[in-house]
PDB file of N, CA and C in Angstrom:
ATOM      1  N   MET A   1     -27.350   5.913  20.156  1.00  0.00           N
ATOM      2  CA  MET A   1     -26.446   5.432  19.121  1.00  0.00           C
ATOM      3  C   MET A   1     -26.505   3.928  20.151  1.00  0.00           C
ATOM      4  N   ASP A   2     -25.942   2.762  19.268  1.00  0.00           N
ATOM      5  CA  ASP A   2     -25.979   2.178  20.279  1.00  0.00           C
ATOM      6  C   ASP A   2     -25.065   1.022  20.347  1.00  0.00           C
ATOM      7  N   ILE A   3     -24.331   0.216  21.142  1.00  0.00           N
ATOM      8  CA  ILE A   3     -23.335   0.169  21.640  1.00  0.00           C
ATOM      9  C   ILE A   3     -22.531  -1.023  20.254  1.00  0.00           C
ATOM     10  N   SER A   4     -22.738  -1.049  19.360  1.00  0.00           N
ATOM     11  CA  SER A   4     -22.434  -1.887  18.179  1.00  0.00           C
ATOM     12  C   SER A   4     -22.279  -0.824  17.311  1.00  0.00           C
ATOM     13  N   GLU A   5     -22.653   0.494  17.308  1.00  0.00           N
ATOM     14  CA  GLU A   5     -22.430   1.582  16.197  1.00  0.00           C
ATOM     15  C   GLU A   5     -21.309   2.474  17.170  1.00  0.00           C
ATOM     16  N   GLN A   6     -21.248   2.234  18.459  1.00  0.00           N
ATOM     17  CA  GLN A   6     -20.421   2.712  18.641  1.00  0.00           C
ATOM     18  C   GLN A   6     -18.917   2.312  19.060  1.00  0.00           C
ATOM     19  N   SER A   7     -18.773   0.965  18.896  1.00  0.00           N
ATOM     20  CA  SER A   7     -17.831   0.172  18.833  1.00  0.00           C
ATOM     21  C   SER A   7     -17.887   0.199  17.676  1.00  0.00           C
ATOM     22  N   VAL A   8     -17.928  -0.069  16.503  1.00  0.00           N
ATOM     23  CA  VAL A   8     -17.181   0.238  15.000  1.00  0.00           C
ATOM     24  C   VAL A   8     -17.288   1.392  14.617  1.00  0.00           C
ATOM     25  N   ILE A   9     -17.611   2.479  15.462  1.00  0.00           N
ATOM     26  CA  ILE A   9     -17.058   3.981  15.172  1.00  0.00           C
ATOM     27  C   ILE A   9     -15.233   3.925  15.313  1.00  0.00           C
ATOM     28  N   HIS A  10     -15.398   3.184  17.035  1.00  0.00           N
ATOM     29  CA  HIS A  10     -13.900   3.097  17.670  1.00  0.00           C
ATOM     30  C   HIS A  10     -13.046   2.472  17.185  1.00  0.00           C
ATOM     31  N   VAL A  11     -13.150   1.720  16.168  1.00  0.00           N
ATOM     32  CA  VAL A  11     -12.011   0.817  16.066  1.00  0.00           C
ATOM     33  C   VAL A  11     -11.923   1.355  14.260  1.00  0.00           C
ATOM     34  N   GLU A  12     -12.411   2.241  13.837  1.00  0.00           N
ATOM     35  CA  GLU A  12     -12.384   2.761  12.235  1.00  0.00           C
ATOM     36  C   GLU A  12     -11.905   4.079  13.016  1.00  0.00           C
ATOM     37  N   LYS A  13     -12.152   4.947  13.962  1.00  0.00           N
ATOM     38  CA  LYS A  13     -11.798   5.952  14.256  1.00  0.00           C
ATOM     39  C   LYS A  13      -9.946   5.462  14.427  1.00  0.00           C
ATOM     40  N   HIS A  14      -9.659   4.692  15.305  1.00  0.00           N
ATOM     41  CA  HIS A  14      -8.381   3.878  15.745  1.00  0.00           C
ATOM     42  C   HIS A  14      -7.920   3.615  14.072  1.00  0.00           C
ATOM     43  N   MET A  15      -8.610   3.055  13.497  1.00  0.00           N
ATOM     44  CA  MET A  15      -7.403   2.558  12.159  1.00  0.00           C
ATOM     45  C   MET A  15      -7.206   3.698  10.957  1.00  0.00           C
ATOM     46  N   LYS A  16      -7.853   4.574  11.348  1.00  0.00           N
ATOM     47  CA  LYS A  16      -7.408   5.815  10.949  1.00  0.00           C
ATOM     48  C   LYS A  16      -6.495   7.016  11.463  1.00  0.00           C
ATOM     49  N   GLU A  17      -6.085   7.060  12.579  1.00  0.00           N
ATOM     50  CA  GLU A  17      -5.769   7.678  13.240  1.00  0.00           C
ATOM     51  C   GLU A  17      -4.706   7.354  14.010  1.00  0.00           C
ATOM     52  N   SER A  18      -4.385   6.073  14.938  1.00  0.00           N
ATOM     53  CA  SER A  18      -3.877   5.405  15.501  1.00  0.00           C
ATOM     54  C   SER A  18      -2.992   4.382  14.514  1.00  0.00           C
ATOM     55  N   PHE A  19      -3.740   3.587  13.804  1.00  0.00           N
ATOM     56  CA  PHE A  19      -2.738   2.772  12.715  1.00  0.00           C
ATOM     57  C   PHE A  19      -2.892   2.837  11.235  1.00  0.00           C
ATOM     58  N   SER A  20      -2.584   4.027  11.119  1.00  0.00           N
ATOM     59  CA  SER A  20      -3.215   4.479   9.832  1.00  0.00           C
ATOM     60  C   SER A  20      -1.771   3.749   8.422  1.00  0.00           C
ATOM     61  N   GLU A  21      -0.671   3.716   9.014  1.00  0.00           N
ATOM     62  CA  GLU A  21       0.747   3.816   8.714  1.00  0.00           C
ATOM     63  C   GLU A  21       1.120   2.263   8.462  1.00  0.00           C
ATOM     64  N   ILE A  22       0.010   1.387   8.883  1.00  0.00           N
ATOM     65  CA  ILE A  22       0.095   0.052   9.789  1.00  0.00           C
ATOM     66  C   ILE A  22      -0.994  -0.362   8.011  1.00  0.00           C
ATOM     67  N   MET A  23      -1.986   0.390   8.521  1.00  0.00           N
ATOM     68  CA  MET A  23      -3.282   0.088   7.578  1.00  0.00           C
ATOM     69  C   MET A  23      -2.753   0.129   5.970  1.00  0.00           C
ATOM     70  N   GLU A  24      -1.735   0.796   5.255  1.00  0.00           N
ATOM     71  CA  GLU A  24      -1.371   1.096   4.167  1.00  0.00           C
ATOM     72  C   GLU A  24      -1.202   0.202   3.832  1.00  0.00           C
ATOM     73  N   ASP A  25      -0.018  -0.854   4.086  1.00  0.00           N
ATOM     74  CA  ASP A  25       0.511  -2.034   4.292  1.00  0.00           C
ATOM     75  C   ASP A  25      -0.134  -3.463   4.595  1.00  0.00           C
ATOM     76  N   TYR A  26      -1.151  -3.392   5.196  1.00  0.00           N
ATOM     77  CA  TYR A  26      -1.908  -4.167   6.300  1.00  0.00           C
ATOM     78  C   TYR A  26      -2.928  -4.704   6.035  1.00  0.00           C
ATOM     79  N   ILE A  27      -3.667  -6.009   6.303  1.00  0.00           N
ATOM     80  CA  ILE A  27      -5.650  -5.763   5.574  1.00  0.00           C
ATOM     81  C   ILE A  27      -5.863  -6.386   7.667  1.00  0.00           C
ATOM     82  N   ILE A  28      -6.740  -6.374   7.829  1.00  0.00           N
ATOM     83  CA  ILE A  28      -7.224  -7.248   8.761  1.00  0.00           C
ATOM     84  C   ILE A  28      -7.468  -8.674   8.503  1.00  0.00           C
ATOM     85  N   GLU A  29      -6.856  -9.013   9.279  1.00  0.00           N
ATOM     86  CA  GLU A  29      -7.382 -10.832   8.479  1.00  0.00           C
ATOM     87  C   GLU A  29      -8.970 -11.825   9.568  1.00  0.00           C
ATOM     88  N   ASN A  30      -8.495 -11.480  11.134  1.00  0.00           N
ATOM     89  CA  ASN A  30      -9.314 -11.601  11.798  1.00  0.00           C
ATOM     90  C   ASN A  30      -9.070 -10.314  12.822  1.00  0.00           C
ATOM     91  N   MET A  31     -10.253 -10.343  13.698  1.00  0.00           N
ATOM     92  CA  MET A  31     -10.741  -9.432  14.879  1.00  0.00           C
ATOM     93  C   MET A  31     -11.524  -9.493  15.603  1.00  0.00           C
ATOM     94  N   TYR A  32     -10.796  -9.501  16.879  1.00  0.00           N
ATOM     95  CA  TYR A  32     -12.122 -10.383  17.957  1.00  0.00           C
ATOM     96  C   TYR A  32     -12.206  -9.267  19.335  1.00  0.00           C
ATOM     97  N   TRP A  33     -12.996  -9.264  20.028  1.00  0.00           N
ATOM     98  CA  TRP A  33     -12.329  -8.202  21.558  1.00  0.00           C
ATOM     99  C   TRP A  33     -12.424  -9.145  22.515  1.00  0.00           C
ATOM    100  N   ASN A  34     -11.566  -9.291  23.688  1.00  0.00           N
ATOM    101  CA  ASN A  34     -11.075  -9.034  24.813  1.00  0.00           C
ATOM    102  C   ASN A  34     -12.060  -8.030  26.127  1.00  0.00           C
ATOM    103  N   ASP A  35     -13.088  -8.520  26.278  1.00  0.00           N
ATOM    104  CA  ASP A  35     -13.626  -7.897  27.191  1.00  0.00           C
ATOM    105  C   ASP A  35     -14.276  -8.730  28.102  1.00  0.00           C
ATOM    106  N   ASN A  36     -13.248  -9.231  29.461  1.00  0.00           N
ATOM    107  CA  ASN A  36     -12.720 -10.519  30.447  1.00  0.00           C
ATOM    108  C   ASN A  36     -12.860  -9.071  31.255  1.00  0.00           C
ATOM    109  N   ASP A  37     -12.390  -7.738  31.315  1.00  0.00           N
ATOM    110  CA  ASP A  37     -12.635  -7.027  32.241  1.00  0.00           C
ATOM    111  C   ASP A  37     -13.055  -6.034  31.670  1.00  0.00           C
ATOM    112  N   PRO A  38     -14.295  -5.594  32.118  1.00  0.00           N
ATOM    113  CA  PRO A  38     -15.130  -4.330  31.792  1.00  0.00           C
ATOM    114  C   PRO A  38     -15.040  -2.984  31.454  1.00  0.00           C
ATOM    115  N   ASN A  39     -13.697  -2.999  33.052  1.00  0.00           N
ATOM    116  CA  ASN A  39     -12.773  -1.755  32.677  1.00  0.00           C
ATOM    117  C   ASN A  39     -11.717  -1.889  31.667  1.00  0.00           C
ATOM    118  N   ASN A  40     -11.902  -2.654  31.009  1.00  0.00           N
ATOM    119  CA  ASN A  40     -10.721  -3.016  29.842  1.00  0.00           C
ATOM    120  C   ASN A  40     -10.674  -3.794  28.693  1.00  0.00           C
ATOM    121  N   ILE A  41     -11.980  -3.103  27.921  1.00  0.00           N
ATOM    122  CA  ILE A  41     -12.700  -3.859  27.126  1.00  0.00           C
ATOM    123  C   ILE A  41     -12.182  -3.132  25.784  1.00  0.00           C
ATOM    124  N   ARG A  42     -11.323  -4.023  24.813  1.00  0.00           N
ATOM    125  CA  ARG A  42     -10.119  -3.747  23.400  1.00  0.00           C
ATOM    126  C   ARG A  42     -10.705  -4.697  22.973  1.00  0.00           C
ATOM    127  N   ALA A  43     -10.248  -4.400  20.933  1.00  0.00           N
ATOM    128  CA  ALA A  43     -10.696  -5.079  20.166  1.00  0.00           C
ATOM    129  C   ALA A  43      -8.908  -5.693  19.434  1.00  0.00           C
ATOM    130  N   ILE A  44      -8.984  -6.813  18.714  1.00  0.00           N
ATOM    131  CA  ILE A  44      -7.443  -6.829  18.811  1.00  0.00           C
ATOM    132  C   ILE A  44      -7.777  -7.506  17.194  1.00  0.00           C
ATOM    133  N   ALA A  45      -6.551  -7.259  16.557  1.00  0.00           N
ATOM    134  CA  ALA A  45      -6.725  -7.248  14.880  1.00  0.00           C
ATOM    135  C   ALA A  45      -5.506  -8.397  15.050  1.00  0.00           C
ATOM    136  N   GLN A  46      -5.802  -9.466  13.820  1.00  0.00           N
ATOM    137  CA  GLN A  46      -4.717 -10.303  13.827  1.00  0.00           C
ATOM    138  C   GLN A  46      -4.182 -10.021  11.705  1.00  0.00           C
ATOM    139  N   MET A  47      -3.134  -9.302  11.714  1.00  0.00           N
ATOM    140  CA  MET A  47      -2.950  -8.580  10.654  1.00  0.00           C
ATOM    141  C   MET A  47      -1.973  -9.265   9.724  1.00  0.00           C
ATOM    142  N   PHE A  48      -2.145  -9.381   7.730  1.00  0.00           N
ATOM    143  CA  PHE A  48      -1.220  -9.857   7.134  1.00  0.00           C
ATOM    144  C   PHE A  48      -0.946  -9.033   6.593  1.00  0.00           C
ATOM    145  N   ARG A  49      -0.101  -9.554   5.730  1.00  0.00           N
ATOM    146  CA  ARG A  49       0.775  -8.493   4.486  1.00  0.00           C
ATOM    147  C   ARG A  49       0.496  -9.430   3.209  1.00  0.00           C
ATOM    148  N   PRO A  50      -0.577  -8.387   2.081  1.00  0.00           N
ATOM    149  CA  PRO A  50      -0.997  -9.323   0.708  1.00  0.00           C
ATOM    150  C   PRO A  50       0.587  -9.654  -0.013  1.00  0.00           C
ATOM    151  N   GLU A  51       1.564  -9.095   0.182  1.00  0.00           N
ATOM    152  CA  GLU A  51       3.121  -9.274  -0.502  1.00  0.00           C
ATOM    153  C   GLU A  51       2.923 -11.001  -0.080  1.00  0.00           C
ATOM    154  N   SER A  52       2.929 -10.798   0.835  1.00  0.00           N
ATOM    155  CA  SER A  52       3.290 -12.814   1.445  1.00  0.00           C
ATOM    156  C   SER A  52       2.445 -13.942   1.256  1.00  0.00           C
ATOM    157  N   VAL A  53       1.253 -13.774   0.527  1.00  0.00           N
ATOM    158  CA  VAL A  53       0.403 -14.713  -0.240  1.00  0.00           C
ATOM    159  C   VAL A  53       0.940 -15.515  -1.124  1.00  0.00           C
ATOM    160  N   LYS A  54       1.926 -14.420  -2.370  1.00  0.00           N
ATOM    161  CA  LYS A  54       2.827 -14.866  -3.097  1.00  0.00           C
ATOM    162  C   LYS A  54       3.780 -15.270  -2.950  1.00  0.00           C
ATOM    163  N   ASP A  55       4.862 -14.789  -1.899  1.00  0.00           N
ATOM    164  CA  ASP A  55       5.800 -14.603  -1.914  1.00  0.00           C
ATOM    165  C   ASP A  55       6.352 -15.353  -0.146  1.00  0.00           C
ATOM    166  N   LYS A  56       6.336 -17.106   0.012  1.00  0.00           N
ATOM    167  CA  LYS A  56       5.893 -17.423   1.235  1.00  0.00           C
ATOM    168  C   LYS A  56       7.084 -16.821   2.412  1.00  0.00           C
ATOM    169  N   SER A  57       8.339 -16.737   1.695  1.00  0.00           N
ATOM    170  CA  SER A  57       9.291 -16.203   2.462  1.00  0.00           C
ATOM    171  C   SER A  57       8.831 -14.750   3.417  1.00  0.00           C
ATOM    172  N   LEU A  58       8.139 -14.404   2.837  1.00  0.00           N
ATOM    173  CA  LEU A  58       7.665 -12.842   3.691  1.00  0.00           C
ATOM    174  C   LEU A  58       6.921 -12.999   4.916  1.00  0.00           C
ATOM    175  N   LYS A  59       6.024 -14.876   4.658  1.00  0.00           N
ATOM    176  CA  LYS A  59       5.524 -15.224   5.800  1.00  0.00           C
ATOM    177  C   LYS A  59       5.327 -14.351   7.048  1.00  0.00           C
ATOM    178  N   SER A  60       6.570 -14.377   7.571  1.00  0.00           N
ATOM    179  CA  SER A  60       7.267 -14.041   9.509  1.00  0.00           C
ATOM    180  C   SER A  60       6.002 -11.890   9.263  1.00  0.00           C
ATOM    181  N   LEU A  61       5.747 -11.508   8.067  1.00  0.00           N
ATOM    182  CA  LEU A  61       5.457 -10.603   8.011  1.00  0.00           C
ATOM    183  C   LEU A  61       4.048 -10.628   8.889  1.00  0.00           C
ATOM    184  N   ASN A  62       3.390 -11.483   8.725  1.00  0.00           N
ATOM    185  CA  ASN A  62       2.080 -12.117   9.206  1.00  0.00           C
ATOM    186  C   ASN A  62       1.946 -12.274  10.900  1.00  0.00           C
ATOM    187  N   ASN A  63       3.432 -11.833  11.098  1.00  0.00           N
ATOM    188  CA  ASN A  63       3.019 -12.278  12.976  1.00  0.00           C
ATOM    189  C   ASN A  63       2.695 -11.100  12.966  1.00  0.00           C
ATOM    190  N   LEU A  64       1.390 -10.384  13.051  1.00  0.00           N
ATOM    191  CA  LEU A  64       1.313  -8.498  13.572  1.00  0.00           C
ATOM    192  C   LEU A  64       0.047  -8.474  13.849  1.00  0.00           C
ATOM    193  N   PHE A  65      -0.199  -8.173  15.564  1.00  0.00           N
ATOM    194  CA  PHE A  65      -1.484  -8.009  15.586  1.00  0.00           C
ATOM    195  C   PHE A  65      -1.928  -6.517  16.455  1.00  0.00           C
ATOM    196  N   LEU A  66      -2.665  -6.300  16.534  1.00  0.00           N
ATOM    197  CA  LEU A  66      -2.625  -4.699  16.664  1.00  0.00           C
ATOM    198  C   LEU A  66      -3.712  -4.722  17.845  1.00  0.00           C
ATOM    199  N   LEU A  67      -3.328  -3.742  19.096  1.00  0.00           N
ATOM    200  CA  LEU A  67      -3.699  -3.809  20.301  1.00  0.00           C
ATOM    201  C   LEU A  67      -4.783  -2.281  20.148  1.00  0.00           C
ATOM    202  N   PHE A  68      -6.217  -2.246  20.330  1.00  0.00           N
ATOM    203  CA  PHE A  68      -6.417  -0.791  19.815  1.00  0.00           C
ATOM    204  C   PHE A  68      -7.108  -0.531  21.332  1.00  0.00           C
ATOM    205  N   PRO A  69      -6.703   0.753  21.328  1.00  0.00           N
ATOM    206  CA  PRO A  69      -6.781   0.826  22.843  1.00  0.00           C
ATOM    207  C   PRO A  69      -8.254   1.069  23.205  1.00  0.00           C
ATOM    208  N   PRO A  70      -8.545   1.112  25.153  1.00  0.00           N
ATOM    209  CA  PRO A  70      -9.709   0.496  25.688  1.00  0.00           C
ATOM    210  C   PRO A  70     -10.578   1.256  25.019  1.00  0.00           C
ATOM    211  N   PHE A  71     -11.770   0.884  25.218  1.00  0.00           N
ATOM    212  CA  PHE A  71     -13.149   0.926  24.491  1.00  0.00           C
ATOM    213  C   PHE A  71     -14.279   1.160  25.837  1.00  0.00           C
ATOM    214  N   ALA A  72     -14.538   2.608  25.898  1.00  0.00           N
ATOM    215  CA  ALA A  72     -15.794   2.601  27.056  1.00  0.00           C
ATOM    216  C   ALA A  72     -17.019   3.216  26.009  1.00  0.00           C
ATOM    217  N   PRO A  73     -18.123   2.132  26.780  1.00  0.00           N
ATOM    218  CA  PRO A  73     -19.152   3.052  25.802  1.00  0.00           C
ATOM    219  C   PRO A  73     -19.706   3.960  26.371  1.00  0.00           C
ATOM    220  N   GLU A  74     -20.571   4.414  25.484  1.00  0.00           N
ATOM    221  CA  GLU A  74     -21.120   5.683  26.582  1.00  0.00           C
ATOM    222  C   GLU A  74     -23.089   5.217  26.714  1.00  0.00           C
ATOM    223  N   ASP A  75     -23.595   5.350  27.898  1.00  0.00           N
ATOM    224  CA  ASP A  75     -24.615   4.988  28.009  1.00  0.00           C
ATOM    225  C   ASP A  75     -25.913   5.996  27.759  1.00  0.00           C
ATOM    226  N   ASN A  76     -27.105   5.132  27.196  1.00  0.00           N
ATOM    227  CA  ASN A  76     -27.653   6.017  26.303  1.00  0.00           C
ATOM    228  C   ASN A  76     -28.558   6.144  27.731  1.00  0.00           C
TER     229      ASN A  76
END
């Protein structure tokens, strides 16, 4: 399994296990990797709440970022 497949599995696992309650109400708007430190590679997701599109007073609910646990790819 290459690093790309491993990273997808890592993110999906934490979406289901670590952030399941958040994922019930929020949608990932943007996701990127912080990989400046090879010993601390992490996915970061900017979230938004669908209700905020209809009700602009809920826009503050879109100020949520998820910091995923460190990703340590396995050598093949």
